[in-house]
C-alpha atoms as a PDB file:
ATOM      1  CA  MET A   1      94.003 140.574 104.136  1.00  0.00           C
ATOM      2  CA  GLY A   2      92.231 140.621 107.707  1.00  0.00           C
ATOM      3  CA  ALA A   3      92.597 143.515 110.395  1.00  0.00           C
ATOM      4  CA  THR A   4      96.201 143.779 112.066  1.00  0.00           C
ATOM      5  CA  THR A   5      97.150 145.401 115.200  1.00  0.00           C
ATOM      6  CA  GLU A   6      99.539 148.207 115.686  1.00  0.00           C
ATOM      7  CA  SER A   7     102.472 145.693 115.992  1.00  0.00           C
ATOM      8  CA  GLY A   8     101.468 144.060 112.599  1.00  0.00           C
ATOM      9  CA  LEU A   9      99.775 140.854 114.318  1.00  0.00           C
ATOM     10  CA  PRO A  10      96.316 139.678 113.140  1.00  0.00           C
ATOM     11  CA  VAL A  11      93.497 140.509 115.133  1.00  0.00           C
ATOM     12  CA  PHE A  12      91.785 137.593 116.859  1.00  0.00           C
ATOM     13  CA  GLU A  13      88.045 137.683 116.148  1.00  0.00           C
ATOM     14  CA  ARG A  14      85.863 134.874 117.489  1.00  0.00           C
ATOM     15  CA  ARG A  15      83.188 133.430 115.264  1.00  0.00           C
ATOM     16  CA  SER A  16      80.078 131.534 115.563  1.00  0.00           C
ATOM     17  CA  GLY A  17      80.778 128.284 116.855  1.00  0.00           C
ATOM     18  CA  ASP A  18      83.757 129.149 118.511  1.00  0.00           C
ATOM     19  CA  THR A  19      82.249 128.334 122.069  1.00  0.00           C
ATOM     20  CA  ALA A  20      80.955 124.798 120.874  1.00  0.00           C
ATOM     21  CA  PHE A  21      84.337 124.155 119.346  1.00  0.00           C
ATOM     22  CA  ALA A  22      86.104 124.878 122.355  1.00  0.00           C
ATOM     23  CA  ALA A  23      83.851 122.801 124.421  1.00  0.00           C
ATOM     24  CA  VAL A  24      84.232 119.874 122.239  1.00  0.00           C
ATOM     25  CA  CYS A  25      87.890 120.212 122.284  1.00  0.00           C
ATOM     26  CA  LEU A  26      87.983 120.322 126.283  1.00  0.00           C
ATOM     27  CA  ILE A  27      85.551 117.134 126.175  1.00  0.00           C
ATOM     28  CA  LEU A  28      87.883 115.270 123.811  1.00  0.00           C
ATOM     29  CA  SER A  29      91.070 116.144 125.639  1.00  0.00           C
ATOM     30  CA  LEU A  30      89.502 115.399 129.027  1.00  0.00           C
ATOM     31  CA  PHE A  31      88.592 111.970 127.497  1.00  0.00           C
ATOM     32  CA  LEU A  32      92.278 111.618 126.589  1.00  0.00           C
ATOM     33  CA  PHE A  33      93.378 112.595 129.866  1.00  0.00           C
ATOM     34  CA  SER A  34      91.048 110.074 131.698  1.00  0.00           C
ATOM     35  CA  GLN A  35      92.353 107.398 129.758  1.00  0.00           C
ATOM     36  CA  MET A  36      96.188 108.380 129.769  1.00  0.00           C
ATOM     37  CA  TRP A  37      96.905 106.416 133.177  1.00  0.00           C
ATOM     38  CA  SER A  38      95.745 103.059 131.743  1.00  0.00           C
ATOM     39  CA  GLN A  39      97.670 103.584 128.291  1.00  0.00           C
ATOM     40  CA  THR A  40     101.175 104.727 129.209  1.00  0.00           C
ATOM     41  CA  VAL A  41     103.400 103.117 131.730  1.00  0.00           C
ATOM     42  CA  TRP A  42     105.986 104.785 134.173  1.00  0.00           C
ATOM     43  CA  GLN A  43     109.045 102.407 134.435  1.00  0.00           C
ATOM     44  CA  PRO A  44     111.153 102.486 137.771  1.00  0.00           C
ATOM     45  CA  GLY A  45     114.486 103.504 137.564  1.00  0.00           C
ATOM     46  CA  ARG A  46     114.312 105.587 134.515  1.00  0.00           C
ATOM     47  CA  GLN A  47     114.999 109.365 134.099  1.00  0.00           C
ATOM     48  CA  PHE A  48     111.782 111.487 134.347  1.00  0.00           C
ATOM     49  CA  ALA A  49     111.931 112.752 130.543  1.00  0.00           C
ATOM     50  CA  GLY A  50     112.924 109.272 129.720  1.00  0.00           C
ATOM     51  CA  GLN A  51     109.793 107.917 130.789  1.00  0.00           C
ATOM     52  CA  PRO A  52     107.394 106.175 128.043  1.00  0.00           C
ATOM     53  CA  GLY A  53     104.680 107.959 129.514  1.00  0.00           C
ATOM     54  CA  PHE A  54     106.154 111.557 129.995  1.00  0.00           C
ATOM     55  CA  TRP A  55     105.699 112.983 126.548  1.00  0.00           C
ATOM     56  CA  PRO A  56     102.082 111.719 126.143  1.00  0.00           C
ATOM     57  CA  ARG A  57     101.167 112.936 129.686  1.00  0.00           C
ATOM     58  CA  LEU A  58     102.739 116.110 128.749  1.00  0.00           C
ATOM     59  CA  ALA A  59     101.113 116.554 125.590  1.00  0.00           C
ATOM     60  CA  VAL A  60      97.535 115.808 126.902  1.00  0.00           C
ATOM     61  CA  THR A  61      98.039 117.780 129.885  1.00  0.00           C
ATOM     62  CA  GLY A  62      98.721 120.617 127.466  1.00  0.00           C
ATOM     63  CA  MET A  63      95.722 119.926 125.518  1.00  0.00           C
ATOM     64  CA  VAL A  64      93.576 120.022 128.571  1.00  0.00           C
ATOM     65  CA  LEU A  65      94.983 123.359 129.822  1.00  0.00           C
ATOM     66  CA  CYS A  66      94.858 125.029 126.550  1.00  0.00           C
ATOM     67  CA  ALA A  67      91.487 123.658 125.506  1.00  0.00           C
ATOM     68  CA  GLY A  68      90.179 124.872 129.083  1.00  0.00           C
ATOM     69  CA  PHE A  69      91.558 128.333 128.547  1.00  0.00           C
ATOM     70  CA  ASN A  70      90.049 128.507 125.163  1.00  0.00           C
ATOM     71  CA  LEU A  71      86.622 127.847 126.414  1.00  0.00           C
ATOM     72  CA  TYR A  72      86.894 130.374 129.341  1.00  0.00           C
ATOM     73  CA  GLN A  73      88.022 132.994 127.089  1.00  0.00           C
ATOM     74  CA  SER A  74      85.201 132.292 124.711  1.00  0.00           C
ATOM     75  CA  LEU A  75      82.502 132.257 127.325  1.00  0.00           C
ATOM     76  CA  MET A  76      83.979 135.604 128.657  1.00  0.00           C
ATOM     77  CA  ASP A  77      83.874 137.180 125.367  1.00  0.00           C
ATOM     78  CA  SER A  78      81.546 140.457 125.634  1.00  0.00           C
ATOM     79  CA  ARG A  79      80.364 139.600 122.397  1.00  0.00           C
ATOM     80  CA  LYS A  80      79.516 135.985 122.566  1.00  0.00           C
ATOM     81  CA  ALA A  81      75.664 136.577 122.461  1.00  0.00           C
ATOM     82  CA  GLU A  82      76.232 137.848 118.383  1.00  0.00           C
ATOM     83  CA  ARG A  83      78.157 134.676 118.049  1.00  0.00           C
ATOM     84  CA  PHE A  84      75.539 132.202 119.141  1.00  0.00           C
ATOM     85  CA  THR A  85      73.208 133.034 116.369  1.00  0.00           C
ATOM     86  CA  GLY A  86      74.729 130.805 113.779  1.00  0.00           C
ATOM     87  CA  VAL A  87      76.141 128.087 115.876  1.00  0.00           C
ATOM     88  CA  GLY A  88      73.436 125.386 114.604  1.00  0.00           C
ATOM     89  CA  GLU A  89      74.802 126.245 110.896  1.00  0.00           C
ATOM     90  CA  GLU A  90      78.398 125.948 112.216  1.00  0.00           C
ATOM     91  CA  VAL A  91      78.429 122.923 113.677  1.00  0.00           C
ATOM     92  CA  PHE A  92      76.548 121.350 110.785  1.00  0.00           C
ATOM     93  CA  LEU A  93      79.406 122.402 108.681  1.00  0.00           C
ATOM     94  CA  TRP A  94      81.872 120.706 110.847  1.00  0.00           C
ATOM     95  CA  ALA A  95      79.902 117.501 110.995  1.00  0.00           C
ATOM     96  CA  ARG A  96      79.945 117.234 106.985  1.00  0.00           C
ATOM     97  CA  CYS A  97      83.422 116.202 107.271  1.00  0.00           C
ATOM     98  CA  LEU A  98      82.313 113.004 109.109  1.00  0.00           C
ATOM     99  CA  GLU A  99      80.834 112.031 105.450  1.00  0.00           C
ATOM    100  CA  PHE A 100      84.312 111.343 104.306  1.00  0.00           C
ATOM    101  CA  ALA A 101      85.221 109.516 107.431  1.00  0.00           C
ATOM    102  CA  LEU A 102      82.455 107.131 106.690  1.00  0.00           C
ATOM    103  CA  TRP A 103      83.483 106.858 102.917  1.00  0.00           C
ATOM    104  CA  PHE A 104      86.722 105.801 104.190  1.00  0.00           C
ATOM    105  CA  MET A 105      85.352 103.211 106.691  1.00  0.00           C
ATOM    106  CA  ALA A 106      83.070 101.863 103.870  1.00  0.00           C
ATOM    107  CA  TYR A 107      86.608 101.500 101.790  1.00  0.00           C
ATOM    108  CA  VAL A 108      88.139  99.917 104.821  1.00  0.00           C
ATOM    109  CA  PHE A 109      85.605  97.120 105.065  1.00  0.00           C
ATOM    110  CA  ALA A 110      85.067  96.750 101.390  1.00  0.00           C
ATOM    111  CA  THR A 111      88.755  96.178 100.373  1.00  0.00           C
ATOM    112  CA  PRO A 112      89.001  92.474 102.339  1.00  0.00           C
ATOM    113  CA  VAL A 113      85.671  91.602 100.500  1.00  0.00           C
ATOM    114  CA  ILE A 114      86.293  93.034  97.022  1.00  0.00           C
ATOM    115  CA  GLY A 115      89.959  93.328  96.818  1.00  0.00           C
ATOM    116  CA  TYR A 116      92.058  96.024  97.096  1.00  0.00           C
ATOM    117  CA  LEU A 117      92.044  96.922  93.347  1.00  0.00           C
ATOM    118  CA  ALA A 118      88.189  96.825  92.729  1.00  0.00           C
ATOM    119  CA  ALA A 119      87.819  98.817  96.132  1.00  0.00           C
ATOM    120  CA  SER A 120      90.156 101.540  95.131  1.00  0.00           C
ATOM    121  CA  ILE A 121      88.836 101.898  91.579  1.00  0.00           C
ATOM    122  CA  VAL A 122      85.120 101.830  93.007  1.00  0.00           C
ATOM    123  CA  PHE A 123      85.723 104.181  95.616  1.00  0.00           C
ATOM    124  CA  ALA A 124      88.075 106.775  93.513  1.00  0.00           C
ATOM    125  CA  GLY A 125      85.169 106.874  91.040  1.00  0.00           C
ATOM    126  CA  SER A 126      82.576 107.386  93.528  1.00  0.00           C
ATOM    127  CA  LEU A 127      84.371 109.920  95.506  1.00  0.00           C
ATOM    128  CA  ALA A 128      85.226 112.020  92.444  1.00  0.00           C
ATOM    129  CA  PHE A 129      81.530 111.706  91.205  1.00  0.00           C
ATOM    130  CA  ARG A 130      80.541 112.681  94.971  1.00  0.00           C
ATOM    131  CA  VAL A 131      82.292 115.966  95.176  1.00  0.00           C
ATOM    132  CA  GLY A 132      81.155 117.131  91.569  1.00  0.00           C
ATOM    133  CA  TYR A 133      83.115 115.705  89.000  1.00  0.00           C
ATOM    134  CA  ARG A 134      80.740 114.273  86.047  1.00  0.00           C
ATOM    135  CA  SER A 135      82.799 114.623  82.975  1.00  0.00           C
ATOM    136  CA  ARG A 136      84.030 111.252  81.288  1.00  0.00           C
ATOM    137  CA  ALA A 137      87.590 112.521  81.431  1.00  0.00           C
ATOM    138  CA  ALA A 138      87.462 113.454  85.009  1.00  0.00           C
ATOM    139  CA  LEU A 139      85.933 110.380  86.157  1.00  0.00           C
ATOM    140  CA  GLY A 140      88.385 108.236  83.962  1.00  0.00           C
ATOM    141  CA  MET A 141      91.109 109.995  85.626  1.00  0.00           C
ATOM    142  CA  ALA A 142      89.754 109.253  89.067  1.00  0.00           C
ATOM    143  CA  LEU A 143      89.741 105.265  87.836  1.00  0.00           C
ATOM    144  CA  ALA A 144      93.345 105.659  86.698  1.00  0.00           C
ATOM    145  CA  VAL A 145      94.278 107.361  89.973  1.00  0.00           C
ATOM    146  CA  GLY A 146      92.691 104.406  91.832  1.00  0.00           C
ATOM    147  CA  MET A 147      94.650 101.906  89.646  1.00  0.00           C
ATOM    148  CA  ALA A 148      97.765 103.604  89.692  1.00  0.00           C
ATOM    149  CA  THR A 149      97.502 103.814  93.475  1.00  0.00           C
ATOM    150  CA  VAL A 150      97.049  99.972  93.612  1.00  0.00           C
ATOM    151  CA  ILE A 151      99.967  99.312  91.092  1.00  0.00           C
ATOM    152  CA  LEU A 152     102.244 101.605  92.948  1.00  0.00           C
ATOM    153  CA  PHE A 153     101.370 100.216  96.490  1.00  0.00           C
ATOM    154  CA  LYS A 154     101.102  96.669  95.581  1.00  0.00           C
ATOM    155  CA  ALA A 155     103.237  95.743  92.683  1.00  0.00           C
ATOM    156  CA  LEU A 156     106.172  98.296  92.897  1.00  0.00           C
ATOM    157  CA  LEU A 157     106.359  98.911  96.881  1.00  0.00           C
ATOM    158  CA  GLN A 158     105.131  95.493  97.872  1.00  0.00           C
ATOM    159  CA  VAL A 159     102.948  96.554 100.645  1.00  0.00           C
ATOM    160  CA  LYS A 160     101.288  93.395 102.094  1.00  0.00           C
ATOM    161  CA  ILE A 161      97.467  94.147 101.738  1.00  0.00           C
ATOM    162  CA  PRO A 162      95.431  91.175 102.408  1.00  0.00           C
ATOM    163  CA  GLY A 163      93.476  89.923  98.993  1.00  0.00           C
ATOM    164  CA  GLY A 164      89.789  90.100  98.939  1.00  0.00           C
ATOM    165  CA  SER A 165      87.501  87.164  99.340  1.00  0.00           C
ATOM    166  CA  VAL A 166      86.217  87.421  95.890  1.00  0.00           C
ATOM    167  CA  TYR A 167      89.398  86.141  94.772  1.00  0.00           C
ATOM    168  CA  GLU A 168      88.742  82.758  96.024  1.00  0.00           C
ATOM    169  CA  TRP A 169      86.365  82.457  93.020  1.00  0.00           C
ATOM    170  CA  PHE A 170      89.198  82.969  90.503  1.00  0.00           C
ATOM    171  CA  PRO A 171      91.065  80.338  88.750  1.00  0.00           C
ATOM    172  CA  ASP A 172      94.487  79.505  90.740  1.00  0.00           C
ATOM    173  CA  ALA A 173      97.038  81.272  88.724  1.00  0.00           C
ATOM    174  CA  MET A 174      94.640  84.418  88.465  1.00  0.00           C
ATOM    175  CA  ARG A 175      93.936  84.080  92.165  1.00  0.00           C
ATOM    176  CA  ASN A 176      97.710  84.067  92.801  1.00  0.00           C
ATOM    177  CA  PHE A 177      98.587  87.132  90.573  1.00  0.00           C
ATOM    178  CA  PHE A 178      95.750  89.271  91.991  1.00  0.00           C
ATOM    179  CA  ILE A 179      96.675  88.463  95.493  1.00  0.00           C
ATOM    180  CA  LEU A 180     100.396  89.444  94.698  1.00  0.00           C
ATOM    181  CA  TYR A 181     100.071  92.278  92.748  1.00  0.00           C
ATOM    182  CA  LEU A 182      96.509  93.659  92.553  1.00  0.00           C
END
């Protein structure tokens, strides 16, 4: 467990990359703030807190203020020089999570082409392999989870997910079955 203050609260320690993270948060919240006026409406005759744009505007304004305060505190920290030594490594670690967003986007774009079943099985197996599972049992389990997900969402819950364009090559009865249930 980390260090605590006299009152028992954890000691707040800034780490490398903190200033970069605070700057990114401020930039993103300022971007949302700049878009807010065209994305939310203010309707005449409605109460102030009942306006459709009130809560989003309050939340985004709070984000801007908190991100700005966090960046200010990070810049004013007396130990900031020692925190800047590992910023590049820290930012690289943050950027690694974008890989999985790219995997998801590939899955989203592959699904209408090869179908929900094939995309789910291929990506479940591929991601399991990517994160380090190499045994047949683990990869088989990943493929089973991919298939179980399709059966759960498509067949049992009857979620409407468009069929893949590859289904057009199937005979009529098989195509209808795949579109409805897989």
